[in-house]
Each structure stands twice: as C-alpha cells, then as structure tokens.
Amino acid sequence: MGSFRFTVLVGMTRVPLHVRSASTAQTILGPSCTDVEVVRLADVPANDDREFFVSAWCLHPRFIPDEKIIFVPEPRVHNPVEGALEELPGLRYLVRIRVIVFQDWNPPPPPPDMEGSVP
C-alpha cells in the first residue's frame, strides 16, 4: 500500500442508511485513507443500524477526523410541467467518526548494533 501503512476499523454515526457505501465512507474519511470496505461486525445485531463500520488503509489514524459534515443531494426527479429533469436540493449531515482499532504495519526498527558487545 505504499505510504498507507496503517489499517483501521472505523465506526460512523449519523450516516443516512440510503447512502451507506464504501464510496461515501471514502468521502468522509478523505484522502488520507484508501481501499475502504464496508464491514459487518459479528457482535453487532443485524437490525442495529446505529453505527456504520468500515475498514481502510490510512497514512496515520491521527488524520481521521472526529466529525465531518457531508452533503447528500436529493435524487433527480422528472418535472412533468417542463419535461426536464430537475435536481432537488440536498441535506447536510454531521457525521461522528471514531477509530475503533488500528494496526501499524511499519517495519520494526533495526536491532541495536551488536559490535562492541562481549560474547
């Protein structure tokens, strides 16, 4: 993953159900994360939709914001009077974000120099 050396599990609240996807999560997490995947945790009941979970690779967990405002446009609808598609306004949502767990995949530092040690 190049410089993306941390894997993270992130929980998000206040994400509307109809836009929960990897691409929406990528927008929320921003450019410091990549390869976002939607995750269904085994210990969360199937009907519990209070929190949206994703996993991703990131530069560092500190670059993941605690909250972000997202804009969700309304779907386009056909206007029978004008015979054209009309775009309705959208809504803004304040999404709360929490890093549940992360793993550092950076290589460990090299061992101390062994020259000068007595056998």
N, C-alpha and C. Protein backbone atom coordinates (compact mmCIF):
# COMPACT_ATOMS: atom_id res chain seq x y z
N MET A 1 0.81 -1.19 0.00
CA MET A 1 0.00 0.00 0.00
C MET A 1 0.86 1.26 0.00
N GLY A 2 2.13 1.15 -0.20
CA GLY A 2 2.98 2.34 -0.25
C GLY A 2 3.07 3.01 1.10
N SER A 3 2.70 4.29 1.15
CA SER A 3 2.78 5.03 2.41
C SER A 3 1.57 4.81 3.31
N PHE A 4 0.57 4.11 2.83
CA PHE A 4 -0.60 3.78 3.66
C PHE A 4 -0.23 2.54 4.48
N ARG A 5 0.28 2.75 5.69
CA ARG A 5 0.84 1.65 6.47
C ARG A 5 0.03 1.28 7.70
N PHE A 6 -1.14 1.87 7.85
CA PHE A 6 -1.99 1.54 8.98
C PHE A 6 -3.32 1.00 8.46
N THR A 7 -3.81 -0.06 9.09
CA THR A 7 -5.18 -0.49 8.82
C THR A 7 -6.03 -0.02 9.98
N VAL A 8 -7.23 0.42 9.68
CA VAL A 8 -8.12 0.94 10.71
C VAL A 8 -9.50 0.34 10.58
N LEU A 9 -10.18 0.24 11.71
CA LEU A 9 -11.60 -0.08 11.75
C LEU A 9 -12.25 1.16 12.32
N VAL A 10 -13.19 1.71 11.56
CA VAL A 10 -13.81 2.99 11.91
C VAL A 10 -15.32 2.81 12.05
N GLY A 11 -15.89 3.43 13.06
CA GLY A 11 -17.34 3.47 13.24
C GLY A 11 -17.84 4.88 12.96
N MET A 12 -18.96 5.00 12.26
CA MET A 12 -19.53 6.31 11.94
C MET A 12 -21.00 6.32 12.33
N THR A 13 -21.43 7.39 12.98
CA THR A 13 -22.84 7.56 13.30
C THR A 13 -23.40 8.74 12.51
N ARG A 14 -24.70 8.74 12.33
CA ARG A 14 -25.45 9.78 11.62
C ARG A 14 -25.25 9.74 10.11
N VAL A 15 -24.83 8.59 9.58
CA VAL A 15 -24.74 8.43 8.13
C VAL A 15 -26.09 7.88 7.68
N PRO A 16 -26.81 8.58 6.78
CA PRO A 16 -28.12 8.09 6.35
C PRO A 16 -28.01 6.69 5.73
N LEU A 17 -29.00 5.86 6.02
CA LEU A 17 -28.98 4.47 5.53
C LEU A 17 -28.88 4.37 4.02
N HIS A 18 -29.55 5.26 3.29
CA HIS A 18 -29.59 5.14 1.83
C HIS A 18 -28.29 5.53 1.14
N VAL A 19 -27.31 6.07 1.87
CA VAL A 19 -26.03 6.42 1.25
C VAL A 19 -24.85 5.67 1.87
N ARG A 20 -25.12 4.67 2.70
CA ARG A 20 -24.03 3.91 3.32
C ARG A 20 -23.38 3.02 2.27
N SER A 21 -22.14 3.38 1.93
CA SER A 21 -21.38 2.63 0.93
C SER A 21 -19.90 2.92 1.14
N ALA A 22 -19.06 2.15 0.46
CA ALA A 22 -17.62 2.38 0.55
C ALA A 22 -17.26 3.75 -0.02
N SER A 23 -17.94 4.18 -1.09
CA SER A 23 -17.61 5.48 -1.68
C SER A 23 -18.00 6.63 -0.76
N THR A 24 -19.12 6.52 -0.06
CA THR A 24 -19.49 7.55 0.90
C THR A 24 -18.49 7.59 2.05
N ALA A 25 -18.10 6.41 2.54
CA ALA A 25 -17.11 6.36 3.62
C ALA A 25 -15.78 6.94 3.17
N GLN A 26 -15.39 6.70 1.92
CA GLN A 26 -14.15 7.27 1.38
C GLN A 26 -14.23 8.79 1.39
N THR A 27 -15.37 9.34 1.01
CA THR A 27 -15.57 10.79 1.03
C THR A 27 -15.45 11.33 2.45
N ILE A 28 -16.03 10.63 3.41
CA ILE A 28 -15.98 11.06 4.80
C ILE A 28 -14.56 10.99 5.35
N LEU A 29 -13.85 9.91 5.08
CA LEU A 29 -12.51 9.73 5.61
C LEU A 29 -11.48 10.62 4.91
N GLY A 30 -11.70 10.94 3.66
CA GLY A 30 -10.82 11.84 2.94
C GLY A 30 -9.63 11.15 2.30
N PRO A 31 -8.71 11.96 1.77
CA PRO A 31 -7.59 11.42 1.00
C PRO A 31 -6.52 10.71 1.83
N SER A 32 -6.60 10.79 3.15
CA SER A 32 -5.58 10.10 3.96
C SER A 32 -5.89 8.62 4.13
N CYS A 33 -7.01 8.15 3.55
CA CYS A 33 -7.38 6.73 3.61
C CYS A 33 -7.66 6.20 2.20
N THR A 34 -7.48 4.89 2.04
CA THR A 34 -7.73 4.25 0.75
C THR A 34 -8.24 2.83 0.98
N ASP A 35 -8.70 2.19 -0.07
CA ASP A 35 -9.22 0.81 -0.01
C ASP A 35 -10.26 0.63 1.09
N VAL A 36 -11.23 1.50 1.11
CA VAL A 36 -12.29 1.46 2.12
C VAL A 36 -13.25 0.32 1.80
N GLU A 37 -13.59 -0.47 2.81
CA GLU A 37 -14.55 -1.57 2.66
C GLU A 37 -15.57 -1.51 3.78
N VAL A 38 -16.82 -1.78 3.45
CA VAL A 38 -17.88 -1.84 4.45
C VAL A 38 -17.72 -3.14 5.23
N VAL A 39 -17.86 -3.05 6.56
CA VAL A 39 -17.66 -4.20 7.44
C VAL A 39 -18.93 -4.41 8.26
N ARG A 40 -19.29 -5.66 8.43
CA ARG A 40 -20.41 -6.01 9.32
C ARG A 40 -19.80 -6.77 10.50
N LEU A 41 -19.80 -6.15 11.66
CA LEU A 41 -19.20 -6.76 12.84
C LEU A 41 -20.07 -7.90 13.36
N ALA A 42 -19.46 -8.99 13.76
CA ALA A 42 -20.18 -10.17 14.22
C ALA A 42 -20.95 -9.92 15.52
N ASP A 43 -20.43 -9.05 16.37
CA ASP A 43 -21.09 -8.84 17.66
C ASP A 43 -22.12 -7.72 17.63
N VAL A 44 -22.43 -7.18 16.44
CA VAL A 44 -23.48 -6.16 16.31
C VAL A 44 -24.70 -6.84 15.69
N PRO A 45 -25.86 -6.76 16.34
CA PRO A 45 -27.06 -7.40 15.78
C PRO A 45 -27.38 -6.87 14.38
N ALA A 46 -27.92 -7.72 13.53
CA ALA A 46 -28.21 -7.36 12.14
C ALA A 46 -29.16 -6.17 12.03
N ASN A 47 -30.08 -6.00 12.96
CA ASN A 47 -31.04 -4.91 12.88
C ASN A 47 -30.56 -3.63 13.58
N ASP A 48 -29.32 -3.61 14.05
CA ASP A 48 -28.77 -2.44 14.72
C ASP A 48 -28.05 -1.58 13.69
N ASP A 49 -28.70 -0.50 13.26
CA ASP A 49 -28.11 0.37 12.23
C ASP A 49 -27.64 1.70 12.80
N ARG A 50 -27.38 1.75 14.10
CA ARG A 50 -26.95 3.00 14.72
C ARG A 50 -25.57 3.44 14.26
N GLU A 51 -24.73 2.47 13.92
CA GLU A 51 -23.36 2.81 13.53
C GLU A 51 -22.99 2.07 12.26
N PHE A 52 -22.24 2.75 11.41
CA PHE A 52 -21.79 2.25 10.12
C PHE A 52 -20.30 1.98 10.25
N PHE A 53 -19.85 0.75 9.94
CA PHE A 53 -18.46 0.35 10.15
C PHE A 53 -17.76 0.13 8.81
N VAL A 54 -16.51 0.61 8.74
CA VAL A 54 -15.68 0.39 7.56
C VAL A 54 -14.26 0.09 8.00
N SER A 55 -13.54 -0.60 7.12
CA SER A 55 -12.09 -0.79 7.33
C SER A 55 -11.39 -0.08 6.18
N ALA A 56 -10.15 0.34 6.43
CA ALA A 56 -9.40 1.06 5.41
C ALA A 56 -7.92 1.04 5.73
N TRP A 57 -7.13 1.35 4.72
CA TRP A 57 -5.71 1.62 4.90
C TRP A 57 -5.59 3.13 5.02
N CYS A 58 -4.71 3.60 5.91
CA CYS A 58 -4.56 5.05 6.03
C CYS A 58 -3.11 5.43 6.32
N LEU A 59 -2.82 6.71 6.10
CA LEU A 59 -1.48 7.23 6.36
C LEU A 59 -1.17 7.13 7.85
N HIS A 60 -2.11 7.59 8.68
CA HIS A 60 -1.98 7.51 10.14
C HIS A 60 -3.36 7.77 10.72
N PRO A 61 -3.75 7.07 11.79
CA PRO A 61 -5.08 7.28 12.38
C PRO A 61 -5.33 8.71 12.84
N ARG A 62 -4.28 9.47 13.13
CA ARG A 62 -4.50 10.85 13.60
C ARG A 62 -5.07 11.74 12.50
N PHE A 63 -4.98 11.31 11.23
CA PHE A 63 -5.53 12.10 10.13
C PHE A 63 -7.02 11.85 9.92
N ILE A 64 -7.61 10.93 10.65
CA ILE A 64 -9.04 10.67 10.55
C ILE A 64 -9.76 11.66 11.46
N PRO A 65 -10.65 12.47 10.89
CA PRO A 65 -11.33 13.49 11.71
C PRO A 65 -12.32 12.86 12.69
N ASP A 66 -12.66 13.61 13.74
CA ASP A 66 -13.66 13.16 14.71
C ASP A 66 -15.07 13.35 14.18
N GLU A 67 -15.23 14.31 13.28
CA GLU A 67 -16.54 14.57 12.68
C GLU A 67 -16.35 15.26 11.34
N LYS A 68 -17.37 15.12 10.50
CA LYS A 68 -17.32 15.75 9.18
C LYS A 68 -18.75 16.00 8.72
N ILE A 69 -18.95 17.13 8.08
CA ILE A 69 -20.26 17.44 7.50
C ILE A 69 -20.26 16.94 6.07
N ILE A 70 -21.27 16.14 5.73
CA ILE A 70 -21.40 15.66 4.36
C ILE A 70 -22.69 16.22 3.76
N PHE A 71 -22.71 16.37 2.46
CA PHE A 71 -23.88 16.83 1.73
C PHE A 71 -24.42 15.67 0.91
N VAL A 72 -25.69 15.37 1.09
CA VAL A 72 -26.34 14.28 0.35
C VAL A 72 -27.41 14.91 -0.54
N PRO A 73 -27.19 14.93 -1.85
CA PRO A 73 -28.20 15.52 -2.75
C PRO A 73 -29.43 14.63 -2.84
N GLU A 74 -30.55 15.26 -3.03
CA GLU A 74 -31.79 14.53 -3.25
C GLU A 74 -31.73 13.92 -4.65
N PRO A 75 -32.45 12.83 -4.88
CA PRO A 75 -32.42 12.22 -6.21
C PRO A 75 -33.07 13.14 -7.25
N ARG A 76 -32.64 12.96 -8.49
CA ARG A 76 -33.23 13.75 -9.57
C ARG A 76 -34.62 13.21 -9.87
N VAL A 77 -35.56 14.13 -10.12
CA VAL A 77 -36.94 13.73 -10.42
C VAL A 77 -37.38 14.37 -11.74
N HIS A 78 -38.30 13.73 -12.39
CA HIS A 78 -38.85 14.24 -13.65
C HIS A 78 -39.89 15.31 -13.35
N ASN A 79 -39.74 16.46 -13.96
CA ASN A 79 -40.70 17.56 -13.81
C ASN A 79 -41.65 17.50 -15.00
N PRO A 80 -42.91 17.04 -14.79
CA PRO A 80 -43.84 16.87 -15.92
C PRO A 80 -44.23 18.20 -16.58
N VAL A 81 -44.18 19.29 -15.85
CA VAL A 81 -44.56 20.58 -16.41
C VAL A 81 -43.54 21.05 -17.45
N GLU A 82 -42.27 20.97 -17.12
CA GLU A 82 -41.23 21.43 -18.03
C GLU A 82 -40.65 20.31 -18.88
N GLY A 83 -40.96 19.07 -18.54
CA GLY A 83 -40.47 17.93 -19.32
C GLY A 83 -38.97 17.71 -19.20
N ALA A 84 -38.40 18.18 -18.12
CA ALA A 84 -36.95 18.03 -17.93
C ALA A 84 -36.67 17.48 -16.54
N LEU A 85 -35.48 16.99 -16.37
CA LEU A 85 -35.07 16.53 -15.04
C LEU A 85 -34.69 17.75 -14.20
N GLU A 86 -35.13 17.72 -12.98
CA GLU A 86 -34.86 18.82 -12.08
C GLU A 86 -34.16 18.27 -10.85
N GLU A 87 -33.10 18.91 -10.43
CA GLU A 87 -32.36 18.44 -9.28
C GLU A 87 -32.87 19.15 -8.03
N LEU A 88 -33.27 18.37 -7.06
CA LEU A 88 -33.74 18.93 -5.80
C LEU A 88 -32.55 19.24 -4.90
N PRO A 89 -32.74 20.13 -3.95
CA PRO A 89 -31.63 20.39 -3.01
C PRO A 89 -31.36 19.16 -2.16
N GLY A 90 -30.28 19.20 -1.46
CA GLY A 90 -29.92 18.07 -0.61
C GLY A 90 -29.92 18.47 0.85
N LEU A 91 -29.41 17.57 1.66
CA LEU A 91 -29.32 17.80 3.10
C LEU A 91 -27.89 17.61 3.56
N ARG A 92 -27.55 18.30 4.62
CA ARG A 92 -26.22 18.17 5.22
C ARG A 92 -26.37 17.36 6.51
N TYR A 93 -25.39 16.49 6.75
CA TYR A 93 -25.40 15.64 7.94
C TYR A 93 -24.05 15.79 8.64
N LEU A 94 -24.09 15.91 9.97
CA LEU A 94 -22.87 15.93 10.76
C LEU A 94 -22.58 14.49 11.17
N VAL A 95 -21.54 13.91 10.57
CA VAL A 95 -21.17 12.52 10.83
C VAL A 95 -20.13 12.50 11.93
N ARG A 96 -20.35 11.67 12.93
CA ARG A 96 -19.38 11.48 14.01
C ARG A 96 -18.56 10.23 13.67
N ILE A 97 -17.24 10.33 13.86
CA ILE A 97 -16.32 9.27 13.44
C ILE A 97 -15.47 8.85 14.63
N ARG A 98 -15.30 7.54 14.78
CA ARG A 98 -14.40 7.06 15.84
C ARG A 98 -13.57 5.91 15.30
N VAL A 99 -12.28 5.97 15.62
CA VAL A 99 -11.38 4.88 15.27
C VAL A 99 -11.53 3.83 16.36
N ILE A 100 -11.96 2.65 15.99
CA ILE A 100 -12.18 1.58 16.97
C ILE A 100 -10.86 0.87 17.27
N VAL A 101 -10.14 0.52 16.22
CA VAL A 101 -8.86 -0.16 16.38
C VAL A 101 -8.01 0.14 15.15
N PHE A 102 -6.70 0.14 15.34
CA PHE A 102 -5.81 0.29 14.19
C PHE A 102 -4.60 -0.61 14.38
N GLN A 103 -3.95 -0.93 13.27
CA GLN A 103 -2.74 -1.74 13.32
C GLN A 103 -1.67 -1.07 12.47
N ASP A 104 -0.50 -0.95 13.05
CA ASP A 104 0.65 -0.33 12.40
C ASP A 104 1.44 -1.41 11.66
N TRP A 105 1.56 -1.27 10.35
CA TRP A 105 2.29 -2.23 9.54
C TRP A 105 3.67 -1.72 9.15
N ASN A 106 4.16 -0.67 9.83
CA ASN A 106 5.52 -0.19 9.59
C ASN A 106 6.51 -1.26 10.05
N PRO A 107 7.61 -1.43 9.35
CA PRO A 107 8.60 -2.43 9.79
C PRO A 107 9.20 -2.02 11.14
N PRO A 108 9.52 -2.98 11.97
CA PRO A 108 10.12 -2.65 13.27
C PRO A 108 11.50 -2.03 13.09
N PRO A 109 11.95 -1.26 14.07
CA PRO A 109 13.28 -0.66 13.95
C PRO A 109 14.34 -1.76 13.94
N PRO A 110 15.49 -1.48 13.31
CA PRO A 110 16.54 -2.49 13.28
C PRO A 110 17.10 -2.75 14.68
N PRO A 111 17.61 -3.94 14.93
CA PRO A 111 18.16 -4.24 16.26
C PRO A 111 19.40 -3.37 16.52
N PRO A 112 19.70 -3.12 17.79
CA PRO A 112 20.89 -2.32 18.09
C PRO A 112 22.14 -3.00 17.57
N ASP A 113 23.14 -2.20 17.30
CA ASP A 113 24.41 -2.71 16.76
C ASP A 113 25.05 -3.67 17.76
N MET A 114 25.42 -4.84 17.29
CA MET A 114 25.98 -5.86 18.18
C MET A 114 27.50 -5.77 18.31
N GLU A 115 28.19 -4.89 17.54
CA GLU A 115 29.66 -4.78 17.64
C GLU A 115 30.03 -4.26 19.02
N GLY A 116 30.86 -4.44 19.66
CA GLY A 116 31.21 -3.92 20.97
C GLY A 116 30.62 -4.71 22.11
N SER A 117 29.73 -5.67 21.83
CA SER A 117 29.19 -6.48 22.93
C SER A 117 30.15 -7.64 23.19
N VAL A 118 30.21 -8.05 24.41
CA VAL A 118 31.11 -9.14 24.81
C VAL A 118 30.36 -10.45 24.71
N PRO A 119 30.95 -11.47 24.01
CA PRO A 119 30.24 -12.76 23.87
C PRO A 119 30.16 -13.52 25.15
